[in-house]
Structures are given as structure tokens and as C-alpha cells.
PDB file of all heavy atoms in Angstrom:
ATOM      1  N   VAL A   1      -6.835 -29.043  30.737  1.00  0.00           N
ATOM      2  CA  VAL A   1      -7.026 -29.427  29.328  1.00  0.00           C
ATOM      3  C   VAL A   1      -6.047 -30.501  28.866  1.00  0.00           C
ATOM      4  O   VAL A   1      -6.217 -31.067  27.791  1.00  0.00           O
ATOM      5  CB  VAL A   1      -6.920 -28.197  28.401  1.00  0.00           C
ATOM      6  CG1 VAL A   1      -7.921 -27.143  28.794  1.00  0.00           C
ATOM      7  CG2 VAL A   1      -5.508 -27.606  28.421  1.00  0.00           C
ATOM      8  N   GLY A   2      -4.994 -30.790  29.655  1.00  0.00           N
ATOM      9  CA  GLY A   2      -4.041 -31.828  29.279  1.00  0.00           C
ATOM     10  C   GLY A   2      -2.732 -31.254  28.772  1.00  0.00           C
ATOM     11  O   GLY A   2      -2.602 -30.055  28.515  1.00  0.00           O
ATOM     12  N   VAL A   3      -1.727 -32.137  28.622  1.00  0.00           N
ATOM     13  CA  VAL A   3      -0.376 -31.676  28.289  1.00  0.00           C
ATOM     14  C   VAL A   3      -0.254 -31.183  26.848  1.00  0.00           C
ATOM     15  O   VAL A   3       0.453 -30.209  26.585  1.00  0.00           O
ATOM     16  CB  VAL A   3       0.666 -32.794  28.551  1.00  0.00           C
ATOM     17  CG1 VAL A   3       0.925 -32.952  30.025  1.00  0.00           C
ATOM     18  CG2 VAL A   3       0.234 -34.117  27.945  1.00  0.00           C
ATOM     19  N   LEU A   4      -0.930 -31.829  25.911  1.00  0.00           N
ATOM     20  CA  LEU A   4      -0.809 -31.376  24.519  1.00  0.00           C
ATOM     21  C   LEU A   4      -1.453 -30.009  24.294  1.00  0.00           C
ATOM     22  O   LEU A   4      -0.800 -29.087  23.794  1.00  0.00           O
ATOM     23  CB  LEU A   4      -1.417 -32.418  23.569  1.00  0.00           C
ATOM     24  CG  LEU A   4      -0.456 -33.509  23.073  1.00  0.00           C
ATOM     25  CD1 LEU A   4      -1.205 -34.537  22.244  1.00  0.00           C
ATOM     26  CD2 LEU A   4       0.677 -32.910  22.272  1.00  0.00           C
ATOM     27  N   PRO A   5      -2.713 -29.808  24.687  1.00  0.00           N
ATOM     28  CA  PRO A   5      -3.264 -28.457  24.582  1.00  0.00           C
ATOM     29  C   PRO A   5      -2.522 -27.476  25.483  1.00  0.00           C
ATOM     30  O   PRO A   5      -2.485 -26.276  25.216  1.00  0.00           O
ATOM     31  CB  PRO A   5      -4.727 -28.620  25.036  1.00  0.00           C
ATOM     32  CG  PRO A   5      -5.028 -30.066  24.873  1.00  0.00           C
ATOM     33  CD  PRO A   5      -3.738 -30.766  25.136  1.00  0.00           C
ATOM     34  N   GLY A   6      -1.917 -28.003  26.556  1.00  0.00           N
ATOM     35  CA  GLY A   6      -1.163 -27.140  27.458  1.00  0.00           C
ATOM     36  C   GLY A   6       0.003 -26.458  26.780  1.00  0.00           C
ATOM     37  O   GLY A   6       0.378 -25.338  27.151  1.00  0.00           O
ATOM     38  N   ILE A   7       0.613 -27.129  25.792  1.00  0.00           N
ATOM     39  CA  ILE A   7       1.692 -26.504  25.019  1.00  0.00           C
ATOM     40  C   ILE A   7       1.164 -25.262  24.305  1.00  0.00           C
ATOM     41  O   ILE A   7       1.791 -24.195  24.320  1.00  0.00           O
ATOM     42  CB  ILE A   7       2.255 -27.499  23.987  1.00  0.00           C
ATOM     43  CG1 ILE A   7       3.103 -28.550  24.678  1.00  0.00           C
ATOM     44  CG2 ILE A   7       3.101 -26.777  22.948  1.00  0.00           C
ATOM     45  CD1 ILE A   7       4.462 -28.082  25.105  1.00  0.00           C
ATOM     46  N   ILE A   8      -0.006 -25.390  23.665  1.00  0.00           N
ATOM     47  CA  ILE A   8      -0.598 -24.251  22.960  1.00  0.00           C
ATOM     48  C   ILE A   8      -0.966 -23.151  23.950  1.00  0.00           C
ATOM     49  O   ILE A   8      -0.731 -21.961  23.681  1.00  0.00           O
ATOM     50  CB  ILE A   8      -1.850 -24.699  22.168  1.00  0.00           C
ATOM     51  CG1 ILE A   8      -1.499 -25.891  21.256  1.00  0.00           C
ATOM     52  CG2 ILE A   8      -2.399 -23.547  21.367  1.00  0.00           C
ATOM     53  CD1 ILE A   8      -0.388 -25.614  20.272  1.00  0.00           C
ATOM     54  N   VAL A   9      -1.533 -23.545  25.083  1.00  0.00           N
ATOM     55  CA  VAL A   9      -1.850 -22.567  26.128  1.00  0.00           C
ATOM     56  C   VAL A   9      -0.583 -21.821  26.545  1.00  0.00           C
ATOM     57  O   VAL A   9      -0.576 -20.595  26.709  1.00  0.00           O
ATOM     58  CB  VAL A   9      -2.489 -23.257  27.347  1.00  0.00           C
ATOM     59  CG1 VAL A   9      -2.602 -22.290  28.532  1.00  0.00           C
ATOM     60  CG2 VAL A   9      -3.869 -23.796  26.997  1.00  0.00           C
ATOM     61  N   GLY A  10       0.513 -22.573  26.692  1.00  0.00           N
ATOM     62  CA  GLY A  10       1.778 -21.964  27.092  1.00  0.00           C
ATOM     63  C   GLY A  10       2.284 -20.952  26.085  1.00  0.00           C
ATOM     64  O   GLY A  10       2.734 -19.861  26.452  1.00  0.00           O
ATOM     65  N   ILE A  11       2.205 -21.295  24.804  1.00  0.00           N
ATOM     66  CA  ILE A  11       2.672 -20.375  23.765  1.00  0.00           C
ATOM     67  C   ILE A  11       1.794 -19.123  23.732  1.00  0.00           C
ATOM     68  O   ILE A  11       2.301 -17.994  23.636  1.00  0.00           O
ATOM     69  CB  ILE A  11       2.661 -21.079  22.394  1.00  0.00           C
ATOM     70  CG1 ILE A  11       3.725 -22.184  22.372  1.00  0.00           C
ATOM     71  CG2 ILE A  11       2.919 -20.082  21.272  1.00  0.00           C
ATOM     72  CD1 ILE A  11       3.665 -23.048  21.153  1.00  0.00           C
ATOM     73  N   LEU A  12       0.479 -19.308  23.830  1.00  0.00           N
ATOM     74  CA  LEU A  12      -0.418 -18.152  23.827  1.00  0.00           C
ATOM     75  C   LEU A  12      -0.172 -17.249  25.033  1.00  0.00           C
ATOM     76  O   LEU A  12      -0.192 -16.018  24.925  1.00  0.00           O
ATOM     77  CB  LEU A  12      -1.873 -18.625  23.808  1.00  0.00           C
ATOM     78  CG  LEU A  12      -2.337 -19.328  22.523  1.00  0.00           C
ATOM     79  CD1 LEU A  12      -3.772 -19.814  22.670  1.00  0.00           C
ATOM     80  CD2 LEU A  12      -2.207 -18.397  21.326  1.00  0.00           C
ATOM     81  N   LEU A  13       0.097 -17.861  26.183  1.00  0.00           N
ATOM     82  CA  LEU A  13       0.380 -17.061  27.371  1.00  0.00           C
ATOM     83  C   LEU A  13       1.723 -16.347  27.246  1.00  0.00           C
ATOM     84  O   LEU A  13       1.890 -15.228  27.734  1.00  0.00           O
ATOM     85  CB  LEU A  13       0.357 -17.941  28.618  1.00  0.00           C
ATOM     86  CG  LEU A  13      -1.034 -18.321  29.132  1.00  0.00           C
ATOM     87  CD1 LEU A  13      -0.937 -19.295  30.288  1.00  0.00           C
ATOM     88  CD2 LEU A  13      -1.817 -17.092  29.549  1.00  0.00           C
ATOM     89  N   SER A  14       2.707 -17.001  26.597  1.00  0.00           N
ATOM     90  CA  SER A  14       3.989 -16.329  26.357  1.00  0.00           C
ATOM     91  C   SER A  14       3.785 -15.087  25.502  1.00  0.00           C
ATOM     92  O   SER A  14       4.354 -14.024  25.772  1.00  0.00           O
ATOM     93  CB  SER A  14       4.966 -17.287  25.658  1.00  0.00           C
ATOM     94  OG  SER A  14       5.419 -18.283  26.534  1.00  0.00           O
ATOM     95  N   LEU A  15       2.954 -15.231  24.461  1.00  0.00           N
ATOM     96  CA  LEU A  15       2.670 -14.081  23.604  1.00  0.00           C
ATOM     97  C   LEU A  15       1.892 -13.007  24.368  1.00  0.00           C
ATOM     98  O   LEU A  15       2.157 -11.813  24.217  1.00  0.00           O
ATOM     99  CB  LEU A  15       1.889 -14.537  22.375  1.00  0.00           C
ATOM    100  CG  LEU A  15       2.644 -15.465  21.414  1.00  0.00           C
ATOM    101  CD1 LEU A  15       1.729 -15.944  20.298  1.00  0.00           C
ATOM    102  CD2 LEU A  15       3.869 -14.774  20.838  1.00  0.00           C
ATOM    103  N   ALA A  16       0.948 -13.448  25.199  1.00  0.00           N
ATOM    104  CA  ALA A  16       0.189 -12.482  26.000  1.00  0.00           C
ATOM    105  C   ALA A  16       1.102 -11.754  26.977  1.00  0.00           C
ATOM    106  O   ALA A  16       0.966 -10.549  27.216  1.00  0.00           O
ATOM    107  CB  ALA A  16      -0.928 -13.200  26.749  1.00  0.00           C
ATOM    108  N   TYR A  17       2.049 -12.512  27.539  1.00  0.00           N
ATOM    109  CA  TYR A  17       3.013 -11.928  28.478  1.00  0.00           C
ATOM    110  C   TYR A  17       3.857 -10.869  27.765  1.00  0.00           C
ATOM    111  O   TYR A  17       4.134  -9.799  28.313  1.00  0.00           O
ATOM    112  CB  TYR A  17       3.898 -13.051  29.016  1.00  0.00           C
ATOM    113  CG  TYR A  17       4.824 -12.664  30.136  1.00  0.00           C
ATOM    114  CD1 TYR A  17       4.317 -12.245  31.356  1.00  0.00           C
ATOM    115  CD2 TYR A  17       6.201 -12.748  29.976  1.00  0.00           C
ATOM    116  CE1 TYR A  17       5.168 -11.907  32.398  1.00  0.00           C
ATOM    117  CE2 TYR A  17       7.052 -12.405  31.010  1.00  0.00           C
ATOM    118  CZ  TYR A  17       6.531 -11.998  32.222  1.00  0.00           C
ATOM    119  OH  TYR A  17       7.374 -11.662  33.240  1.00  0.00           O
ATOM    120  N   LEU A  18       4.252 -11.152  26.523  1.00  0.00           N
ATOM    121  CA  LEU A  18       5.025 -10.192  25.732  1.00  0.00           C
ATOM    122  C   LEU A  18       4.169  -8.979  25.369  1.00  0.00           C
ATOM    123  O   LEU A  18       4.605  -7.824  25.514  1.00  0.00           O
ATOM    124  CB  LEU A  18       5.549 -10.873  24.464  1.00  0.00           C
ATOM    125  CG  LEU A  18       6.248  -9.978  23.446  1.00  0.00           C
ATOM    126  CD1 LEU A  18       7.520  -9.386  24.043  1.00  0.00           C
ATOM    127  CD2 LEU A  18       6.554 -10.753  22.173  1.00  0.00           C
ATOM    128  N   ILE A  19       2.953  -9.228  24.904  1.00  0.00           N
ATOM    129  CA  ILE A  19       2.075  -8.139  24.482  1.00  0.00           C
ATOM    130  C   ILE A  19       1.749  -7.216  25.650  1.00  0.00           C
ATOM    131  O   ILE A  19       1.637  -5.999  25.484  1.00  0.00           O
ATOM    132  CB  ILE A  19       0.790  -8.708  23.852  1.00  0.00           C
ATOM    133  CG1 ILE A  19       1.122  -9.374  22.511  1.00  0.00           C
ATOM    134  CG2 ILE A  19      -0.254  -7.621  23.647  1.00  0.00           C
ATOM    135  CD1 ILE A  19      -0.021 -10.157  21.909  1.00  0.00           C
ATOM    136  N   GLN A  20       1.623  -7.801  26.838  1.00  0.00           N
ATOM    137  CA  GLN A  20       1.325  -6.981  28.003  1.00  0.00           C
ATOM    138  C   GLN A  20       2.360  -5.876  28.186  1.00  0.00           C
ATOM    139  O   GLN A  20       2.022  -4.721  28.449  1.00  0.00           O
ATOM    140  CB  GLN A  20       1.267  -7.862  29.252  1.00  0.00           C
ATOM    141  CG  GLN A  20       1.007  -7.067  30.529  1.00  0.00           C
ATOM    142  CD  GLN A  20       1.557  -7.764  31.758  1.00  0.00           C
ATOM    143  OE1 GLN A  20       2.414  -8.638  31.660  1.00  0.00           O
ATOM    144  NE2 GLN A  20       1.066  -7.384  32.915  1.00  0.00           N
ATOM    145  N   PHE A  21       3.625  -6.245  28.036  1.00  0.00           N
ATOM    146  CA  PHE A  21       4.688  -5.256  28.216  1.00  0.00           C
ATOM    147  C   PHE A  21       4.842  -4.352  26.999  1.00  0.00           C
ATOM    148  O   PHE A  21       5.194  -3.178  27.132  1.00  0.00           O
ATOM    149  CB  PHE A  21       6.013  -5.964  28.522  1.00  0.00           C
ATOM    150  CG  PHE A  21       6.074  -6.509  29.919  1.00  0.00           C
ATOM    151  CD1 PHE A  21       5.791  -7.835  30.174  1.00  0.00           C
ATOM    152  CD2 PHE A  21       6.399  -5.685  30.983  1.00  0.00           C
ATOM    153  CE1 PHE A  21       5.834  -8.330  31.464  1.00  0.00           C
ATOM    154  CE2 PHE A  21       6.443  -6.174  32.275  1.00  0.00           C
ATOM    155  CZ  PHE A  21       6.156  -7.500  32.519  1.00  0.00           C
ATOM    156  N   MET A  22       4.574  -4.901  25.814  1.00  0.00           N
ATOM    157  CA  MET A  22       4.674  -4.075  24.621  1.00  0.00           C
ATOM    158  C   MET A  22       3.544  -3.056  24.552  1.00  0.00           C
ATOM    159  O   MET A  22       3.728  -1.949  24.052  1.00  0.00           O
ATOM    160  CB  MET A  22       4.663  -4.960  23.374  1.00  0.00           C
ATOM    161  CG  MET A  22       5.873  -5.868  23.244  1.00  0.00           C
ATOM    162  SD  MET A  22       7.415  -4.950  23.158  1.00  0.00           S
ATOM    163  CE  MET A  22       7.194  -4.075  21.624  1.00  0.00           C
ATOM    164  N   ALA A  23       2.363  -3.442  25.046  1.00  0.00           N
ATOM    165  CA  ALA A  23       1.205  -2.554  24.958  1.00  0.00           C
ATOM    166  C   ALA A  23       1.280  -1.407  25.954  1.00  0.00           C
ATOM    167  O   ALA A  23       0.772  -0.317  25.691  1.00  0.00           O
ATOM    168  CB  ALA A  23      -0.083  -3.353  25.180  1.00  0.00           C
ATOM    169  N   ARG A  24       1.885  -1.634  27.093  1.00  0.00           N
ATOM    170  CA  ARG A  24       2.001  -0.587  28.115  1.00  0.00           C
ATOM    171  C   ARG A  24       3.444  -0.529  28.618  1.00  0.00           C
ATOM    172  O   ARG A  24       3.729  -0.854  29.765  1.00  0.00           O
ATOM    173  CB  ARG A  24       1.042  -0.869  29.285  1.00  0.00           C
ATOM    174  CG  ARG A  24      -0.426  -0.793  28.927  1.00  0.00           C
ATOM    175  CD  ARG A  24      -0.821   0.630  28.533  1.00  0.00           C
ATOM    176  NE  ARG A  24      -2.243   0.730  28.221  1.00  0.00           N
ATOM    177  CZ  ARG A  24      -2.769   0.551  27.027  1.00  0.00           C
ATOM    178  NH1 ARG A  24      -1.992   0.224  25.992  1.00  0.00           N
ATOM    179  NH2 ARG A  24      -4.061   0.682  26.825  1.00  0.00           N
ATOM    180  N   PRO A  25       4.369  -0.112  27.767  1.00  0.00           N
ATOM    181  CA  PRO A  25       5.783  -0.091  28.174  1.00  0.00           C
ATOM    182  C   PRO A  25       6.058   1.047  29.158  1.00  0.00           C
ATOM    183  O   PRO A  25       5.239   1.953  29.345  1.00  0.00           O
ATOM    184  CB  PRO A  25       6.515   0.126  26.855  1.00  0.00           C
ATOM    185  CG  PRO A  25       5.542   0.894  26.022  1.00  0.00           C
ATOM    186  CD  PRO A  25       4.185   0.375  26.393  1.00  0.00           C
ATOM    187  N   PHE A  26       7.226   1.005  29.753  1.00  0.00           N
ATOM    188  CA  PHE A  26       7.651   2.111  30.595  1.00  0.00           C
ATOM    189  C   PHE A  26       7.929   3.342  29.726  1.00  0.00           C
ATOM    190  O   PHE A  26       8.300   3.234  28.555  1.00  0.00           O
ATOM    191  CB  PHE A  26       8.913   1.738  31.377  1.00  0.00           C
ATOM    192  CG  PHE A  26       8.672   0.725  32.449  1.00  0.00           C
ATOM    193  CD1 PHE A  26       9.157  -0.571  32.317  1.00  0.00           C
ATOM    194  CD2 PHE A  26       7.972   1.062  33.593  1.00  0.00           C
ATOM    195  CE1 PHE A  26       8.932  -1.508  33.306  1.00  0.00           C
ATOM    196  CE2 PHE A  26       7.748   0.128  34.589  1.00  0.00           C
ATOM    197  CZ  PHE A  26       8.224  -1.156  34.447  1.00  0.00           C
ATOM    198  N   ASP A  27       7.717   4.504  30.314  1.00  0.00           N
ATOM    199  CA  ASP A  27       8.017   5.752  29.625  1.00  0.00           C
ATOM    200  C   ASP A  27       8.546   6.741  30.651  1.00  0.00           C
ATOM    201  O   ASP A  27       8.591   6.443  31.849  1.00  0.00           O
ATOM    202  CB  ASP A  27       6.791   6.292  28.903  1.00  0.00           C
ATOM    203  CG  ASP A  27       5.652   6.625  29.858  1.00  0.00           C
ATOM    204  OD1 ASP A  27       5.761   6.315  31.067  1.00  0.00           O
ATOM    205  OD2 ASP A  27       4.639   7.202  29.420  1.00  0.00           O
ATOM    206  N   ALA A  28       8.947   7.905  30.204  1.00  0.00           N
ATOM    207  CA  ALA A  28       9.503   8.892  31.130  1.00  0.00           C
ATOM    208  C   ALA A  28       9.411  10.283  30.526  1.00  0.00           C
ATOM    209  O   ALA A  28       9.585  10.464  29.318  1.00  0.00           O
ATOM    210  CB  ALA A  28      10.952   8.566  31.458  1.00  0.00           C
ATOM    211  N   VAL A  29       9.129  11.257  31.393  1.00  0.00           N
ATOM    212  CA  VAL A  29       9.308  12.676  31.065  1.00  0.00           C
ATOM    213  C   VAL A  29      10.711  13.037  31.554  1.00  0.00           C
ATOM    214  O   VAL A  29      11.094  12.697  32.673  1.00  0.00           O
ATOM    215  CB  VAL A  29       8.248  13.543  31.758  1.00  0.00           C
ATOM    216  CG1 VAL A  29       8.513  15.020  31.488  1.00  0.00           C
ATOM    217  CG2 VAL A  29       6.862  13.150  31.282  1.00  0.00           C
ATOM    218  N   LEU A  30      11.476  13.730  30.691  1.00  0.00           N
ATOM    219  CA  LEU A  30      12.882  13.980  30.991  1.00  0.00           C
ATOM    220  C   LEU A  30      13.114  15.416  31.440  1.00  0.00           C
ATOM    221  O   LEU A  30      12.388  16.339  31.048  1.00  0.00           O
ATOM    222  CB  LEU A  30      13.740  13.679  29.760  1.00  0.00           C
ATOM    223  CG  LEU A  30      13.600  12.273  29.162  1.00  0.00           C
ATOM    224  CD1 LEU A  30      14.560  12.109  27.991  1.00  0.00           C
ATOM    225  CD2 LEU A  30      13.847  11.195  30.210  1.00  0.00           C
ATOM    226  N   CYS A  31      14.143  15.576  32.253  1.00  0.00           N
ATOM    227  CA  CYS A  31      14.556  16.907  32.717  1.00  0.00           C
ATOM    228  C   CYS A  31      16.074  16.929  32.792  1.00  0.00           C
ATOM    229  O   CYS A  31      16.739  15.894  32.704  1.00  0.00           O
ATOM    230  CB  CYS A  31      13.963  17.205  34.092  1.00  0.00           C
ATOM    231  SG  CYS A  31      14.547  16.073  35.387  1.00  0.00           S
ATOM    232  N   SER A  32      16.645  18.102  32.947  1.00  0.00           N
ATOM    233  CA  SER A  32      18.093  18.248  33.118  1.00  0.00           C
ATOM    234  C   SER A  32      18.392  18.475  34.590  1.00  0.00           C
ATOM    235  O   SER A  32      17.504  18.839  35.374  1.00  0.00           O
ATOM    236  CB  SER A  32      18.624  19.416  32.288  1.00  0.00           C
ATOM    237  OG  SER A  32      17.992  20.625  32.692  1.00  0.00           O
ATOM    238  N   ALA A  33      19.637  18.254  34.990  1.00  0.00           N
ATOM    239  CA  ALA A  33      20.036  18.410  36.387  1.00  0.00           C
ATOM    240  C   ALA A  33      21.303  19.234  36.465  1.00  0.00           C
ATOM    241  O   ALA A  33      22.198  19.116  35.606  1.00  0.00           O
ATOM    242  CB  ALA A  33      20.246  17.043  37.032  1.00  0.00           C
ATOM    243  N   GLU A  34      21.389  20.037  37.492  1.00  0.00           N
ATOM    244  CA  GLU A  34      22.571  20.864  37.704  1.00  0.00           C
ATOM    245  C   GLU A  34      23.793  19.983  37.905  1.00  0.00           C
ATOM    246  O   GLU A  34      23.791  19.053  38.713  1.00  0.00           O
ATOM    247  CB  GLU A  34      22.377  21.761  38.946  1.00  0.00           C
ATOM    248  CG  GLU A  34      21.313  22.843  38.791  1.00  0.00           C
ATOM    249  CD  GLU A  34      21.737  23.924  37.816  1.00  0.00           C
ATOM    250  OE1 GLU A  34      22.949  24.080  37.606  1.00  0.00           O
ATOM    251  OE2 GLU A  34      20.854  24.609  37.257  1.00  0.00           O
ATOM    252  N   GLY A  35      24.856  20.285  37.144  1.00  0.00           N
ATOM    253  CA  GLY A  35      26.114  19.574  37.323  1.00  0.00           C
ATOM    254  C   GLY A  35      26.146  18.185  36.731  1.00  0.00           C
ATOM    255  O   GLY A  35      27.105  17.444  36.933  1.00  0.00           O
ATOM    256  N   ARG A  36      25.115  17.765  35.978  1.00  0.00           N
ATOM    257  CA  ARG A  36      25.076  16.430  35.374  1.00  0.00           C
ATOM    258  C   ARG A  36      24.854  16.550  33.871  1.00  0.00           C
ATOM    259  O   ARG A  36      24.149  17.426  33.407  1.00  0.00           O
ATOM    260  CB  ARG A  36      23.942  15.591  35.978  1.00  0.00           C
ATOM    261  CG  ARG A  36      24.205  15.133  37.406  1.00  0.00           C
ATOM    262  CD  ARG A  36      22.985  14.409  37.945  1.00  0.00           C
ATOM    263  NE  ARG A  36      23.218  13.864  39.264  1.00  0.00           N
ATOM    264  CZ  ARG A  36      23.530  12.589  39.500  1.00  0.00           C
ATOM    265  NH1 ARG A  36      23.650  11.746  38.493  1.00  0.00           N
ATOM    266  NH2 ARG A  36      23.717  12.169  40.722  1.00  0.00           N
TER     267      ARG A  36
END
């Protein structure tokens, strides 16, 4: 699409890259451990 539209593509992909991690973040079930 060219360098000028490429800037917009880049910004949209940056946001998509952020949303990807925000939408499915890491999580954990927690437990306790002996002696810790």
C-alpha cells in the first residue's frame, strides 16, 4: 500500500498487538507450598 498508508497500518498493528495480550493475558491458579 506504500509508505504513507504503511504508517497507519503500523499503528493499527501496534494496537492489535497490544489488544492481543490484553484480551488473553496470563493468569494463574494459586497454591501454597510447604516451607515457603
